[in-house]
Amino acid sequence: MKSRLLWLSALVILTIGVARAPEVQAAQKEDLRRLFGKYDANRDSRLSEHEFIGEKAGSSRAKARKQFRKLDEDGDSWLTLPEFTRPGHN
């Protein structure tokens, strides 16, 4: 249940994008940094698709896979912190 809530909160933040006000943007980026750290199970400072998707099933898994590929700007099958926290991924 906790991982589902974390994933949903990340999806909401990533879907609405990072707000334009600098103080809000900084707070949202910090939330995303913490979330990135929770997903980074092996602490290698990058997320694999498996780490990002986790234990989701069905349509949630498909949505997470689509979001992962959208965030993976360089197509290397890894998400870095800058890719994960970049504004405008909506």
N, C-alpha and C. Protein backbone atom coordinates (compact mmCIF):
# COMPACT_ATOMS: atom_id res chain seq x y z
N MET A 1 0.83 -1.19 0.00
CA MET A 1 0.00 0.00 0.00
C MET A 1 0.87 1.26 0.00
N LYS A 2 1.94 1.26 0.81
CA LYS A 2 2.81 2.43 0.89
C LYS A 2 3.48 2.71 -0.45
N SER A 3 3.96 1.65 -1.11
CA SER A 3 4.62 1.85 -2.41
C SER A 3 3.62 2.34 -3.45
N ARG A 4 2.38 1.91 -3.36
CA ARG A 4 1.34 2.38 -4.27
C ARG A 4 1.10 3.87 -4.07
N LEU A 5 1.06 4.31 -2.82
CA LEU A 5 0.87 5.73 -2.55
C LEU A 5 2.05 6.55 -3.04
N LEU A 6 3.26 6.04 -2.84
CA LEU A 6 4.45 6.74 -3.35
C LEU A 6 4.39 6.85 -4.86
N TRP A 7 4.04 5.77 -5.51
CA TRP A 7 3.99 5.78 -6.96
C TRP A 7 2.92 6.75 -7.45
N LEU A 8 1.75 6.73 -6.82
CA LEU A 8 0.68 7.64 -7.22
C LEU A 8 1.06 9.09 -7.00
N SER A 9 1.72 9.39 -5.90
CA SER A 9 2.14 10.77 -5.66
C SER A 9 3.18 11.20 -6.69
N ALA A 10 4.08 10.30 -7.08
CA ALA A 10 5.06 10.64 -8.11
C ALA A 10 4.38 10.88 -9.44
N LEU A 11 3.41 10.06 -9.77
CA LEU A 11 2.71 10.20 -11.02
C LEU A 11 1.95 11.52 -11.07
N VAL A 12 1.33 11.91 -9.96
CA VAL A 12 0.62 13.19 -9.91
C VAL A 12 1.59 14.35 -10.10
N ILE A 13 2.71 14.32 -9.38
CA ILE A 13 3.70 15.39 -9.51
C ILE A 13 4.24 15.45 -10.92
N LEU A 14 4.55 14.31 -11.50
CA LEU A 14 5.12 14.29 -12.84
C LEU A 14 4.09 14.67 -13.89
N THR A 15 2.82 14.31 -13.66
CA THR A 15 1.77 14.61 -14.63
C THR A 15 1.45 16.09 -14.66
N ILE A 16 1.37 16.73 -13.48
CA ILE A 16 1.02 18.15 -13.47
C ILE A 16 2.22 19.03 -13.74
N GLY A 17 3.42 18.46 -13.72
CA GLY A 17 4.64 19.24 -13.95
C GLY A 17 5.02 20.00 -12.70
N VAL A 18 6.17 20.59 -12.74
CA VAL A 18 6.66 21.36 -11.61
C VAL A 18 6.16 22.79 -11.77
N ALA A 19 5.60 23.33 -10.70
CA ALA A 19 5.02 24.68 -10.74
C ALA A 19 6.07 25.72 -11.09
N ARG A 20 5.63 26.86 -11.59
CA ARG A 20 6.54 27.91 -12.03
C ARG A 20 7.10 28.76 -10.89
N ALA A 21 6.39 28.91 -9.80
CA ALA A 21 6.88 29.73 -8.69
C ALA A 21 8.13 29.07 -8.11
N PRO A 22 9.24 29.82 -8.00
CA PRO A 22 10.52 29.21 -7.57
C PRO A 22 10.44 28.46 -6.24
N GLU A 23 9.74 29.01 -5.25
CA GLU A 23 9.69 28.33 -3.95
C GLU A 23 8.89 27.04 -4.02
N VAL A 24 7.84 27.02 -4.83
CA VAL A 24 7.05 25.80 -5.01
C VAL A 24 7.85 24.80 -5.84
N GLN A 25 8.50 25.30 -6.87
CA GLN A 25 9.32 24.45 -7.72
C GLN A 25 10.41 23.76 -6.89
N ALA A 26 11.06 24.49 -6.02
CA ALA A 26 12.12 23.91 -5.18
C ALA A 26 11.54 22.83 -4.26
N ALA A 27 10.38 23.09 -3.66
CA ALA A 27 9.76 22.11 -2.77
C ALA A 27 9.36 20.85 -3.54
N GLN A 28 8.80 21.02 -4.73
CA GLN A 28 8.41 19.86 -5.52
C GLN A 28 9.63 19.07 -5.98
N LYS A 29 10.67 19.77 -6.36
CA LYS A 29 11.90 19.06 -6.77
C LYS A 29 12.48 18.26 -5.61
N GLU A 30 12.43 18.84 -4.41
CA GLU A 30 12.94 18.12 -3.24
C GLU A 30 12.09 16.87 -2.97
N ASP A 31 10.77 16.99 -3.12
CA ASP A 31 9.89 15.81 -2.98
C ASP A 31 10.26 14.74 -4.00
N LEU A 32 10.52 15.17 -5.23
CA LEU A 32 10.90 14.22 -6.27
C LEU A 32 12.26 13.59 -5.98
N ARG A 33 13.20 14.37 -5.43
CA ARG A 33 14.51 13.81 -5.07
C ARG A 33 14.36 12.71 -4.02
N ARG A 34 13.53 12.97 -3.01
CA ARG A 34 13.30 11.96 -1.97
C ARG A 34 12.64 10.71 -2.56
N LEU A 35 11.67 10.92 -3.44
CA LEU A 35 10.98 9.81 -4.07
C LEU A 35 11.94 9.00 -4.94
N PHE A 36 12.81 9.69 -5.66
CA PHE A 36 13.83 9.02 -6.47
C PHE A 36 14.69 8.12 -5.58
N GLY A 37 15.10 8.63 -4.44
CA GLY A 37 15.91 7.85 -3.50
C GLY A 37 15.19 6.62 -3.00
N LYS A 38 13.88 6.70 -2.81
CA LYS A 38 13.12 5.54 -2.35
C LYS A 38 13.02 4.48 -3.45
N TYR A 39 12.87 4.92 -4.69
CA TYR A 39 12.79 3.98 -5.81
C TYR A 39 14.14 3.35 -6.12
N ASP A 40 15.23 4.05 -5.87
CA ASP A 40 16.56 3.59 -6.23
C ASP A 40 17.02 2.51 -5.26
N ALA A 41 16.51 1.31 -5.45
CA ALA A 41 16.71 0.22 -4.51
C ALA A 41 18.19 -0.15 -4.33
N ASN A 42 18.96 -0.11 -5.39
CA ASN A 42 20.36 -0.52 -5.29
C ASN A 42 21.32 0.67 -5.11
N ARG A 43 20.77 1.85 -4.95
CA ARG A 43 21.53 3.08 -4.66
C ARG A 43 22.63 3.37 -5.70
N ASP A 44 22.32 3.13 -6.97
CA ASP A 44 23.29 3.43 -8.02
C ASP A 44 23.06 4.79 -8.69
N SER A 45 22.18 5.58 -8.11
CA SER A 45 21.86 6.94 -8.58
C SER A 45 21.20 6.98 -9.95
N ARG A 46 20.52 5.90 -10.29
CA ARG A 46 19.72 5.86 -11.49
C ARG A 46 18.62 4.81 -11.30
N LEU A 47 17.53 4.98 -12.01
CA LEU A 47 16.41 4.05 -11.87
C LEU A 47 16.28 3.19 -13.11
N SER A 48 16.19 1.91 -12.89
CA SER A 48 15.87 1.00 -13.99
C SER A 48 14.36 1.01 -14.15
N GLU A 49 13.90 0.49 -15.27
CA GLU A 49 12.45 0.38 -15.47
C GLU A 49 11.83 -0.48 -14.38
N HIS A 50 12.53 -1.54 -13.99
CA HIS A 50 12.03 -2.42 -12.93
C HIS A 50 11.87 -1.66 -11.61
N GLU A 51 12.86 -0.86 -11.23
CA GLU A 51 12.77 -0.08 -9.99
C GLU A 51 11.61 0.92 -10.08
N PHE A 52 11.44 1.56 -11.23
CA PHE A 52 10.40 2.56 -11.41
C PHE A 52 9.01 1.93 -11.35
N ILE A 53 8.84 0.79 -12.01
CA ILE A 53 7.52 0.16 -12.09
C ILE A 53 7.19 -0.60 -10.82
N GLY A 54 8.19 -1.25 -10.22
CA GLY A 54 7.97 -1.97 -8.97
C GLY A 54 7.02 -3.14 -9.12
N GLU A 55 6.08 -3.23 -8.21
CA GLU A 55 5.16 -4.37 -8.15
C GLU A 55 3.79 -4.05 -8.73
N LYS A 56 3.70 -3.04 -9.56
CA LYS A 56 2.41 -2.68 -10.14
C LYS A 56 1.94 -3.77 -11.10
N ALA A 57 0.63 -3.83 -11.30
CA ALA A 57 0.06 -4.84 -12.19
C ALA A 57 -0.95 -4.19 -13.13
N GLY A 58 -1.24 -4.88 -14.19
CA GLY A 58 -2.29 -4.46 -15.12
C GLY A 58 -2.07 -3.10 -15.75
N SER A 59 -3.14 -2.31 -15.76
CA SER A 59 -3.07 -1.00 -16.41
C SER A 59 -2.12 -0.05 -15.68
N SER A 60 -1.96 -0.21 -14.38
CA SER A 60 -1.01 0.63 -13.65
C SER A 60 0.41 0.36 -14.13
N ARG A 61 0.70 -0.88 -14.42
CA ARG A 61 2.03 -1.25 -14.93
C ARG A 61 2.26 -0.65 -16.31
N ALA A 62 1.24 -0.71 -17.16
CA ALA A 62 1.35 -0.15 -18.51
C ALA A 62 1.54 1.37 -18.46
N LYS A 63 0.81 2.03 -17.58
CA LYS A 63 0.95 3.49 -17.43
C LYS A 63 2.33 3.85 -16.91
N ALA A 64 2.82 3.08 -15.95
CA ALA A 64 4.15 3.35 -15.40
C ALA A 64 5.22 3.14 -16.46
N ARG A 65 5.09 2.11 -17.27
CA ARG A 65 6.06 1.85 -18.33
C ARG A 65 6.06 3.00 -19.34
N LYS A 66 4.88 3.48 -19.70
CA LYS A 66 4.76 4.61 -20.63
C LYS A 66 5.41 5.86 -20.03
N GLN A 67 5.16 6.12 -18.76
CA GLN A 67 5.73 7.29 -18.09
C GLN A 67 7.26 7.17 -18.02
N PHE A 68 7.75 5.98 -17.73
CA PHE A 68 9.19 5.76 -17.68
C PHE A 68 9.83 6.12 -19.02
N ARG A 69 9.25 5.63 -20.09
CA ARG A 69 9.81 5.88 -21.42
C ARG A 69 9.73 7.35 -21.80
N LYS A 70 8.71 8.03 -21.33
CA LYS A 70 8.58 9.47 -21.57
C LYS A 70 9.67 10.24 -20.83
N LEU A 71 9.95 9.84 -19.61
CA LEU A 71 10.96 10.52 -18.79
C LEU A 71 12.38 10.21 -19.25
N ASP A 72 12.59 9.03 -19.83
CA ASP A 72 13.93 8.60 -20.26
C ASP A 72 14.30 9.32 -21.56
N GLU A 73 14.71 10.56 -21.42
CA GLU A 73 14.95 11.43 -22.58
C GLU A 73 16.06 10.93 -23.50
N ASP A 74 17.09 10.33 -22.96
CA ASP A 74 18.20 9.90 -23.81
C ASP A 74 18.05 8.45 -24.29
N GLY A 75 16.97 7.79 -23.86
CA GLY A 75 16.68 6.45 -24.35
C GLY A 75 17.65 5.37 -23.92
N ASP A 76 18.37 5.60 -22.81
CA ASP A 76 19.35 4.61 -22.36
C ASP A 76 18.77 3.56 -21.40
N SER A 77 17.45 3.60 -21.21
CA SER A 77 16.74 2.65 -20.32
C SER A 77 17.05 2.85 -18.85
N TRP A 78 17.53 4.04 -18.49
CA TRP A 78 17.78 4.41 -17.10
C TRP A 78 17.22 5.82 -16.89
N LEU A 79 16.69 6.08 -15.70
CA LEU A 79 16.30 7.44 -15.34
C LEU A 79 17.33 7.98 -14.37
N THR A 80 17.86 9.13 -14.71
CA THR A 80 18.76 9.83 -13.80
C THR A 80 17.92 10.83 -13.00
N LEU A 81 18.50 11.37 -11.96
CA LEU A 81 17.78 12.35 -11.16
C LEU A 81 17.37 13.56 -12.00
N PRO A 82 18.24 14.11 -12.85
CA PRO A 82 17.80 15.24 -13.69
C PRO A 82 16.62 14.89 -14.60
N GLU A 83 16.61 13.68 -15.16
CA GLU A 83 15.47 13.28 -16.00
C GLU A 83 14.21 13.16 -15.16
N PHE A 84 14.35 12.60 -13.97
CA PHE A 84 13.21 12.36 -13.09
C PHE A 84 12.60 13.66 -12.56
N THR A 85 13.43 14.67 -12.36
CA THR A 85 12.94 15.92 -11.75
C THR A 85 12.76 17.06 -12.75
N ARG A 86 13.03 16.83 -14.02
CA ARG A 86 12.92 17.89 -15.02
C ARG A 86 11.48 18.37 -15.15
N PRO A 87 11.28 19.70 -15.12
CA PRO A 87 9.92 20.25 -15.29
C PRO A 87 9.40 19.99 -16.70
N GLY A 88 8.09 19.99 -16.81
CA GLY A 88 7.47 19.93 -18.12
C GLY A 88 7.18 18.54 -18.65
N HIS A 89 7.30 17.52 -17.81
CA HIS A 89 6.97 16.16 -18.26
C HIS A 89 5.49 15.91 -18.04
N ASN A 90 4.67 16.58 -18.84
CA ASN A 90 3.22 16.37 -18.67
C ASN A 90 2.58 15.97 -19.95
